[in-house]
Amino acid sequence: MLQFSAVRRQEPLGWGSCLVFLTALALAFTVSGLLLAVQDKPAASALWLLVHSAFGSGYALEDCLIKAIPIFLCSLGVGLTFRLQIWNIGAEGQFALGAVGATWAALTFPGWPWYALLPTMLICASLTGSLWGIIPAVLRLKLKANEIIVTLMLNYVGILILEYLVYGIWKDPGSFGFPMTSEFVPAAVVARIGDTRLNWGLLLCLAIGVLMTIFLRSTRLGYELRACGENVRAARYARMPYAKLVVLVMAVSGALAGWAGFLEASATLGRLQPSIMSGYGYTAIVVAWLANLNPLIIAVSSFLLAGLRVGMETLQLDLQVPAAFGAIMEGLILLAVLAGGFFSRYRLHFRRIR
C-alpha cells in the first residue's frame, strides 16, 4: 500500500516554477475547451478566437488596457489587505461608492474648471471608498466580526445605494426612463491620451504601482505590514501597530477601488448608470492571487484578465457562448494556478507501507 505526504522544498524550484505555471494555464484552458465541446461549440477555434480577439489588433489591445485600469486599481487594493491576512472581498462595493462620490461632485459643481473639479471628484471617490473599507475594519477590531462576511454584504448595500440614486433623485429627466444620471460636463471627464481611446488614468495606475512597490519594500510601515501578515502574534509582541495597520490597509484598499469607480464613471461612461458594475471588484481577487500579491505582476495579470473579458465578448456575439462562461474560466485559471503554486513549494513523498 502506498502512502504519500507533502514535503516542503528546501530550495526554490527556480525555472521549474514557470513550467508549473504554464502547465496550470494549459490545464485550465483544456478544461474550458471541454466545457465548450459539451455545448457543441468548436473548442479549439473558440479558444483561438478568444485569444485573437483580445490581443490580435490595436483596437483590441486598447480595449484590454481600458478594462485593465479598474481591475488593476481594485487588485492593488485587495492585494494590500491580503498581505496583512485581512480578507477584503468588498472591492465591488467600494468601487460602487467611489463612483457615487465622484458623481456627487460632478453633479454638484458643474461650473468648476477641470483643474478644480477632477481633483474634487478624486477626493470624494477616495473618501467614500475608504469609508466603505473602514467599516468592516472597525467591526473586525471592535466586535470580532468576520471581515469576509461583512465586506461581502456591504457589496450589495453599495450597489443598492448606487441603483437607488440613478433610479431616483439623480435620474436624468431626458433619459427616456432609463436609469442614468445626466452626462457629465466636459470638465468632469478625464481626457483621452492623444488620438487613442485610452485615458490618463493609465498613467495614474503606473504611478500608483511604482509607489506601492517602493512603500512595501523600502519603508518601515511596509515592513511592519509584511511582518504582521506573516505572524500577527509575533508582531504584537514586538509592539507593532496591528490595529492601525488593519484600518490603514482597508482605507487604502477602499480608496483605490473608489478611484477605479471614479475613472470608470468619468472616463469610460461619462455618467453614472447601473451598467458600471461589471464585476471588476471580484475579478480583482483572482488577479491578486494570480500575481502572488506582487504589485508589478498584478499589472500584467490585470491586462491578461482584461483580455479574457474582451475575448469573451466576441465569443458571446459570434458563438452564442453564455456570459457566465467568462467567470467559469477565471475560476478555473485561479484554481489551476493555486494548485500549481502548491507544487512549486512542496513535493510529494511516496512510501510503501505494509
Protein backbone atom coordinates (compact mmCIF):
# COMPACT_ATOMS: atom_id res chain seq x y z
CA MET A 1 0.00 0.00 0.00
CA LEU A 2 1.33 3.43 -0.97
CA GLN A 3 1.17 6.41 1.36
CA PHE A 4 2.16 9.93 0.37
CA SER A 5 2.83 13.17 2.21
CA ALA A 6 3.64 16.74 1.19
CA VAL A 7 7.22 17.79 2.00
CA ARG A 8 8.30 21.43 1.78
CA ARG A 9 11.08 22.00 -0.73
CA GLN A 10 14.38 23.05 0.81
CA GLU A 11 15.36 25.05 -2.28
CA PRO A 12 13.12 27.09 -4.62
CA LEU A 13 12.04 25.34 -7.78
CA GLY A 14 13.57 28.08 -9.95
CA TRP A 15 12.68 27.84 -13.63
CA GLY A 16 10.52 24.87 -12.77
CA SER A 17 8.00 27.30 -11.27
CA CYS A 18 7.50 28.85 -14.70
CA LEU A 19 6.88 25.40 -16.16
CA VAL A 20 4.38 24.61 -13.40
CA PHE A 21 2.57 27.91 -14.08
CA LEU A 22 2.35 27.26 -17.82
CA THR A 23 1.13 23.71 -17.19
CA ALA A 24 -1.57 25.06 -14.86
CA LEU A 25 -2.72 27.54 -17.52
CA ALA A 26 -2.77 24.79 -20.16
CA LEU A 27 -4.87 22.63 -17.84
CA ALA A 28 -7.35 25.48 -17.24
CA PHE A 29 -7.71 26.12 -20.99
CA THR A 30 -8.10 22.38 -21.65
CA VAL A 31 -10.96 22.09 -19.17
CA SER A 32 -12.51 25.24 -20.66
CA GLY A 33 -12.28 23.66 -24.11
CA LEU A 34 -14.02 20.53 -22.85
CA LEU A 35 -16.84 22.67 -21.43
CA LEU A 36 -17.21 24.35 -24.81
CA ALA A 37 -17.28 20.97 -26.54
CA VAL A 38 -20.07 19.83 -24.22
CA GLN A 39 -22.11 22.79 -25.53
CA ASP A 40 -21.44 21.67 -29.13
CA LYS A 41 -19.07 24.58 -29.74
CA PRO A 42 -15.81 24.16 -31.70
CA ALA A 43 -13.45 24.19 -28.73
CA ALA A 44 -10.10 24.80 -30.47
CA SER A 45 -11.36 27.51 -32.80
CA ALA A 46 -13.33 29.14 -29.95
CA LEU A 47 -10.25 29.40 -27.73
CA TRP A 48 -8.21 30.74 -30.64
CA LEU A 49 -10.94 33.30 -31.35
CA LEU A 50 -10.88 34.32 -27.68
CA VAL A 51 -7.12 34.96 -27.71
CA HIS A 52 -7.02 36.60 -31.16
CA SER A 53 -9.97 38.91 -30.49
CA ALA A 54 -8.33 40.07 -27.25
CA PHE A 55 -4.74 40.60 -28.41
CA GLY A 56 -4.80 40.38 -32.20
CA SER A 57 -5.30 44.03 -33.11
CA GLY A 58 -4.53 47.52 -31.88
CA TYR A 59 -8.19 48.22 -31.23
CA ALA A 60 -8.48 45.09 -29.08
CA LEU A 61 -5.33 45.98 -27.13
CA GLU A 62 -6.80 49.40 -26.37
CA ASP A 63 -9.94 47.66 -25.08
CA CYS A 64 -7.78 45.45 -22.87
CA LEU A 65 -5.93 48.43 -21.40
CA ILE A 66 -9.19 50.32 -20.77
CA LYS A 67 -10.62 47.36 -18.84
CA ALA A 68 -7.30 46.69 -17.10
CA ILE A 69 -7.28 50.13 -15.42
CA PRO A 70 -10.13 49.50 -12.92
CA ILE A 71 -9.08 45.86 -12.46
CA PHE A 72 -5.52 46.94 -11.60
CA LEU A 73 -6.59 49.55 -9.04
CA CYS A 74 -9.02 47.17 -7.31
CA SER A 75 -6.44 44.35 -7.38
CA LEU A 76 -3.75 46.55 -5.88
CA GLY A 77 -6.09 47.40 -3.01
CA VAL A 78 -7.24 43.88 -2.18
CA GLY A 79 -3.67 42.61 -2.59
CA LEU A 80 -2.54 45.07 0.08
CA THR A 81 -5.12 43.77 2.55
CA PHE A 82 -4.33 40.13 1.72
CA ARG A 83 -0.70 40.77 2.70
CA LEU A 84 -1.96 41.53 6.20
CA GLN A 85 -4.21 38.44 6.04
CA ILE A 86 -7.28 40.67 6.03
CA TRP A 87 -9.65 39.12 3.51
CA ASN A 88 -11.26 42.10 1.81
CA ILE A 89 -13.94 40.78 -0.57
CA GLY A 90 -15.58 44.20 -0.77
CA ALA A 91 -13.82 45.91 -3.67
CA GLU A 92 -17.05 45.73 -5.68
CA GLY A 93 -18.97 47.81 -3.12
CA GLN A 94 -16.03 50.19 -2.63
CA PHE A 95 -15.90 50.63 -6.42
CA ALA A 96 -19.62 51.49 -6.44
CA LEU A 97 -19.28 54.04 -3.60
CA GLY A 98 -16.27 55.61 -5.31
CA ALA A 99 -18.34 56.12 -8.45
CA VAL A 100 -21.15 57.59 -6.32
CA GLY A 101 -18.78 60.02 -4.58
CA ALA A 102 -17.25 61.19 -7.85
CA THR A 103 -20.69 61.60 -9.43
CA TRP A 104 -21.89 63.69 -6.50
CA ALA A 105 -19.01 66.12 -7.06
CA ALA A 106 -19.61 66.21 -10.83
CA LEU A 107 -23.33 66.97 -10.42
CA THR A 108 -22.88 69.42 -7.53
CA PHE A 109 -20.13 71.62 -9.01
CA PRO A 110 -20.68 71.53 -12.79
CA GLY A 111 -19.45 75.09 -13.25
CA TRP A 112 -15.96 74.48 -11.86
CA PRO A 113 -12.94 74.27 -14.21
CA TRP A 114 -11.41 70.84 -14.81
CA TYR A 115 -8.32 71.51 -12.66
CA ALA A 116 -10.60 72.02 -9.63
CA LEU A 117 -13.41 69.60 -10.47
CA LEU A 118 -11.38 66.48 -11.31
CA PRO A 119 -9.30 66.58 -8.09
CA THR A 120 -12.51 67.14 -6.12
CA MET A 121 -14.08 64.11 -7.77
CA LEU A 122 -10.98 62.05 -6.98
CA ILE A 123 -11.03 63.15 -3.33
CA CYS A 124 -14.74 62.37 -2.98
CA ALA A 125 -14.23 58.94 -4.55
CA SER A 126 -11.35 58.32 -2.13
CA LEU A 127 -13.42 59.31 0.90
CA THR A 128 -16.49 57.25 0.03
CA GLY A 129 -14.43 54.21 -0.98
CA SER A 130 -12.30 54.47 2.17
CA LEU A 131 -15.39 54.78 4.36
CA TRP A 132 -16.75 51.55 2.85
CA GLY A 133 -13.43 49.88 3.66
CA ILE A 134 -13.06 51.23 7.20
CA ILE A 135 -16.48 49.95 8.32
CA PRO A 136 -15.53 46.23 8.20
CA ALA A 137 -12.09 47.03 9.66
CA VAL A 138 -13.64 48.65 12.74
CA LEU A 139 -16.20 45.86 13.10
CA ARG A 140 -13.40 43.28 12.99
CA LEU A 141 -11.29 45.08 15.61
CA LYS A 142 -14.09 46.05 17.99
CA LEU A 143 -16.65 43.26 17.60
CA LYS A 144 -14.50 40.44 16.15
CA ALA A 145 -16.79 40.37 13.09
CA ASN A 146 -15.65 38.26 10.16
CA GLU A 147 -14.44 40.71 7.51
CA ILE A 148 -15.23 38.26 4.68
CA ILE A 149 -18.94 38.26 5.54
CA VAL A 150 -19.07 42.00 6.31
CA THR A 151 -17.30 43.11 3.12
CA LEU A 152 -19.36 40.72 1.00
CA MET A 153 -22.64 42.03 2.44
CA LEU A 154 -21.51 45.65 2.05
CA ASN A 155 -21.05 44.96 -1.68
CA TYR A 156 -24.80 44.52 -2.05
CA VAL A 157 -25.52 47.59 0.08
CA GLY A 158 -23.16 49.74 -2.01
CA ILE A 159 -24.67 48.56 -5.30
CA LEU A 160 -28.19 49.19 -4.00
CA ILE A 161 -27.21 52.73 -2.95
CA LEU A 162 -25.94 53.36 -6.48
CA GLU A 163 -29.14 51.98 -8.01
CA TYR A 164 -31.32 53.98 -5.60
CA LEU A 165 -29.65 57.20 -6.75
CA VAL A 166 -29.73 56.55 -10.51
CA TYR A 167 -33.34 55.30 -10.35
CA GLY A 168 -34.31 58.18 -8.07
CA ILE A 169 -33.01 61.65 -7.33
CA TRP A 170 -30.12 61.53 -9.82
CA LYS A 171 -32.13 60.14 -12.73
CA ASP A 172 -31.82 62.24 -15.88
CA PRO A 173 -35.28 63.54 -16.90
CA GLY A 174 -34.22 63.33 -20.54
CA SER A 175 -33.10 59.69 -20.41
CA PHE A 176 -36.48 58.34 -21.67
CA GLY A 177 -36.95 56.34 -18.47
CA PHE A 178 -33.52 54.68 -18.46
CA PRO A 179 -31.73 54.70 -15.06
CA MET A 180 -28.78 57.02 -15.52
CA THR A 181 -27.61 60.45 -14.50
CA SER A 182 -27.24 63.32 -16.91
CA GLU A 183 -23.98 63.41 -18.84
CA PHE A 184 -21.01 64.90 -17.02
CA VAL A 185 -19.86 68.31 -18.17
CA PRO A 186 -16.58 68.19 -20.19
CA ALA A 187 -14.63 69.48 -17.18
CA ALA A 188 -15.68 66.36 -15.21
CA VAL A 189 -14.46 63.88 -17.83
CA VAL A 190 -10.91 62.52 -17.65
CA ALA A 191 -9.33 63.31 -21.01
CA ARG A 192 -8.00 60.77 -23.50
CA ILE A 193 -4.33 60.34 -24.36
CA GLY A 194 -3.77 61.81 -27.81
CA ASP A 195 -5.84 60.19 -30.54
CA THR A 196 -6.29 56.92 -28.66
CA ARG A 197 -9.27 55.77 -26.58
CA LEU A 198 -7.03 55.42 -23.53
CA ASN A 199 -7.46 57.91 -20.70
CA TRP A 200 -4.95 59.50 -18.35
CA GLY A 201 -5.98 57.06 -15.63
CA LEU A 202 -3.43 54.70 -17.21
CA LEU A 203 -0.61 56.97 -16.02
CA LEU A 204 -2.23 57.11 -12.58
CA CYS A 205 -2.05 53.30 -12.47
CA LEU A 206 1.63 53.31 -13.40
CA ALA A 207 2.45 55.87 -10.71
CA ILE A 208 0.43 54.06 -8.03
CA GLY A 209 2.04 50.73 -8.92
CA VAL A 210 5.57 52.14 -8.58
CA LEU A 211 4.73 53.95 -5.32
CA MET A 212 3.14 50.82 -3.86
CA THR A 213 6.23 48.76 -4.68
CA ILE A 214 8.50 51.34 -3.02
CA PHE A 215 6.20 51.52 0.00
CA LEU A 216 6.20 47.76 0.57
CA ARG A 217 9.92 47.24 0.00
CA SER A 218 11.59 50.38 1.31
CA THR A 219 9.56 51.85 4.18
CA ARG A 220 9.23 50.93 7.82
CA LEU A 221 5.46 50.84 7.58
CA GLY A 222 5.67 48.46 4.65
CA TYR A 223 7.99 46.18 6.63
CA GLU A 224 5.61 46.22 9.61
CA LEU A 225 2.72 45.38 7.30
CA ARG A 226 4.58 42.37 5.89
CA ALA A 227 5.69 41.27 9.36
CA CYS A 228 2.15 41.44 10.76
CA GLY A 229 0.91 39.43 7.81
CA GLU A 230 3.49 36.70 8.42
CA ASN A 231 2.91 36.37 12.18
CA VAL A 232 0.36 38.51 13.98
CA ARG A 233 1.28 37.31 17.49
CA ALA A 234 4.98 37.99 16.99
CA ALA A 235 4.23 41.40 15.52
CA ARG A 236 2.07 42.32 18.50
CA TYR A 237 4.81 41.10 20.86
CA ALA A 238 7.19 43.45 19.03
CA ARG A 239 4.61 46.24 19.65
CA MET A 240 3.83 46.80 16.01
CA PRO A 241 0.61 48.81 15.48
CA TYR A 242 -1.51 45.95 14.16
CA ALA A 243 -4.90 47.63 14.71
CA LYS A 244 -3.79 50.81 12.97
CA LEU A 245 -2.42 48.79 10.07
CA VAL A 246 -5.76 46.98 9.66
CA VAL A 247 -7.61 50.29 9.41
CA LEU A 248 -4.92 51.75 7.13
CA VAL A 249 -4.89 48.93 4.58
CA MET A 250 -8.68 48.75 4.45
CA ALA A 251 -8.89 52.52 3.96
CA VAL A 252 -6.24 52.47 1.20
CA SER A 253 -7.88 49.47 -0.45
CA GLY A 254 -11.25 51.24 -0.43
CA ALA A 255 -9.69 54.42 -1.82
CA LEU A 256 -8.04 52.56 -4.70
CA ALA A 257 -11.31 50.82 -5.58
CA GLY A 258 -13.02 54.21 -5.31
CA TRP A 259 -10.52 55.65 -7.80
CA ALA A 260 -11.40 52.82 -10.16
CA GLY A 261 -15.09 53.74 -9.84
CA PHE A 262 -14.27 57.40 -10.48
CA LEU A 263 -12.32 56.62 -13.67
CA GLU A 264 -14.99 54.23 -14.94
CA ALA A 265 -17.78 56.78 -14.40
CA SER A 266 -15.82 59.77 -15.70
CA ALA A 267 -13.52 58.49 -18.45
CA THR A 268 -15.38 55.43 -19.77
CA LEU A 269 -19.10 56.21 -19.39
CA GLY A 270 -19.21 59.97 -18.83
CA ARG A 271 -22.11 59.48 -16.39
CA LEU A 272 -23.30 57.10 -13.67
CA GLN A 273 -25.52 54.15 -14.58
CA PRO A 274 -26.06 50.59 -13.26
CA SER A 275 -24.01 49.02 -16.09
CA ILE A 276 -20.90 50.44 -14.43
CA MET A 277 -20.97 47.39 -12.13
CA SER A 278 -19.15 44.85 -14.29
CA GLY A 279 -17.66 42.64 -11.58
CA TYR A 280 -14.24 44.30 -11.56
CA GLY A 281 -14.07 44.00 -7.77
CA TYR A 282 -14.49 40.23 -7.89
CA THR A 283 -12.03 39.84 -10.77
CA ALA A 284 -9.53 41.78 -8.64
CA ILE A 285 -9.45 38.93 -6.11
CA VAL A 286 -8.47 36.47 -8.85
CA VAL A 287 -5.82 38.85 -10.21
CA ALA A 288 -4.25 39.49 -6.78
CA TRP A 289 -3.79 35.77 -6.11
CA LEU A 290 -2.55 35.03 -9.62
CA ALA A 291 0.13 37.69 -9.13
CA ASN A 292 1.10 36.36 -5.69
CA LEU A 293 0.27 39.87 -4.34
CA ASN A 294 3.20 41.44 -6.23
CA PRO A 295 2.22 44.95 -7.48
CA LEU A 296 4.24 44.71 -10.70
CA ILE A 297 2.91 41.25 -11.59
CA ILE A 298 -0.60 42.48 -10.73
CA ALA A 299 -0.28 44.89 -13.67
CA VAL A 300 0.44 42.00 -16.08
CA SER A 301 -2.30 39.80 -14.61
CA SER A 302 -4.81 42.67 -14.83
CA PHE A 303 -4.04 43.08 -18.53
CA LEU A 304 -4.43 39.34 -19.18
CA LEU A 305 -7.73 39.06 -17.29
CA ALA A 306 -8.96 42.17 -19.09
CA GLY A 307 -8.08 40.39 -22.34
CA LEU A 308 -10.17 37.43 -21.21
CA ARG A 309 -13.14 39.78 -20.78
CA VAL A 310 -12.63 41.32 -24.23
CA GLY A 311 -12.33 37.89 -25.84
CA MET A 312 -15.44 36.62 -24.05
CA GLU A 313 -17.47 39.48 -25.53
CA THR A 314 -16.53 38.22 -29.00
CA LEU A 315 -17.40 34.62 -28.10
CA GLN A 316 -20.81 35.72 -26.87
CA LEU A 317 -21.53 37.52 -30.14
CA ASP A 318 -20.04 35.02 -32.60
CA LEU A 319 -20.68 31.65 -30.91
CA GLN A 320 -23.53 32.48 -28.52
CA VAL A 321 -21.44 31.37 -25.51
CA PRO A 322 -23.15 32.22 -22.17
CA ALA A 323 -21.81 35.29 -20.36
CA ALA A 324 -21.16 33.20 -17.25
CA PHE A 325 -18.50 31.22 -19.13
CA GLY A 326 -16.02 34.07 -18.56
CA ALA A 327 -16.42 33.77 -14.80
CA ILE A 328 -16.01 29.99 -15.08
CA MET A 329 -12.73 30.45 -16.95
CA GLU A 330 -11.48 32.94 -14.34
CA GLY A 331 -12.24 30.43 -11.60
CA LEU A 332 -10.56 27.57 -13.47
CA ILE A 333 -7.42 29.64 -14.06
CA LEU A 334 -7.27 30.66 -10.39
CA LEU A 335 -7.73 27.09 -9.12
CA ALA A 336 -5.18 25.68 -11.55
CA VAL A 337 -2.55 28.33 -10.73
CA LEU A 338 -3.07 27.98 -6.97
CA ALA A 339 -2.69 24.21 -7.30
CA GLY A 340 0.46 24.77 -9.35
CA GLY A 341 1.78 27.10 -6.65
CA PHE A 342 1.42 24.27 -4.14
CA PHE A 343 3.67 22.02 -6.23
CA SER A 344 6.18 24.87 -6.56
CA ARG A 345 6.57 24.97 -2.76
CA TYR A 346 6.05 21.29 -1.89
CA ARG A 347 6.88 17.91 -3.36
CA LEU A 348 5.00 14.68 -2.88
CA HIS A 349 6.88 11.98 -0.98
CA PHE A 350 5.67 8.41 -1.55
CA ARG A 351 6.48 5.41 0.60
CA ARG A 352 5.26 1.83 0.71
CA ILE A 353 3.75 0.61 3.97
CA ARG A 354 2.80 -2.92 4.92
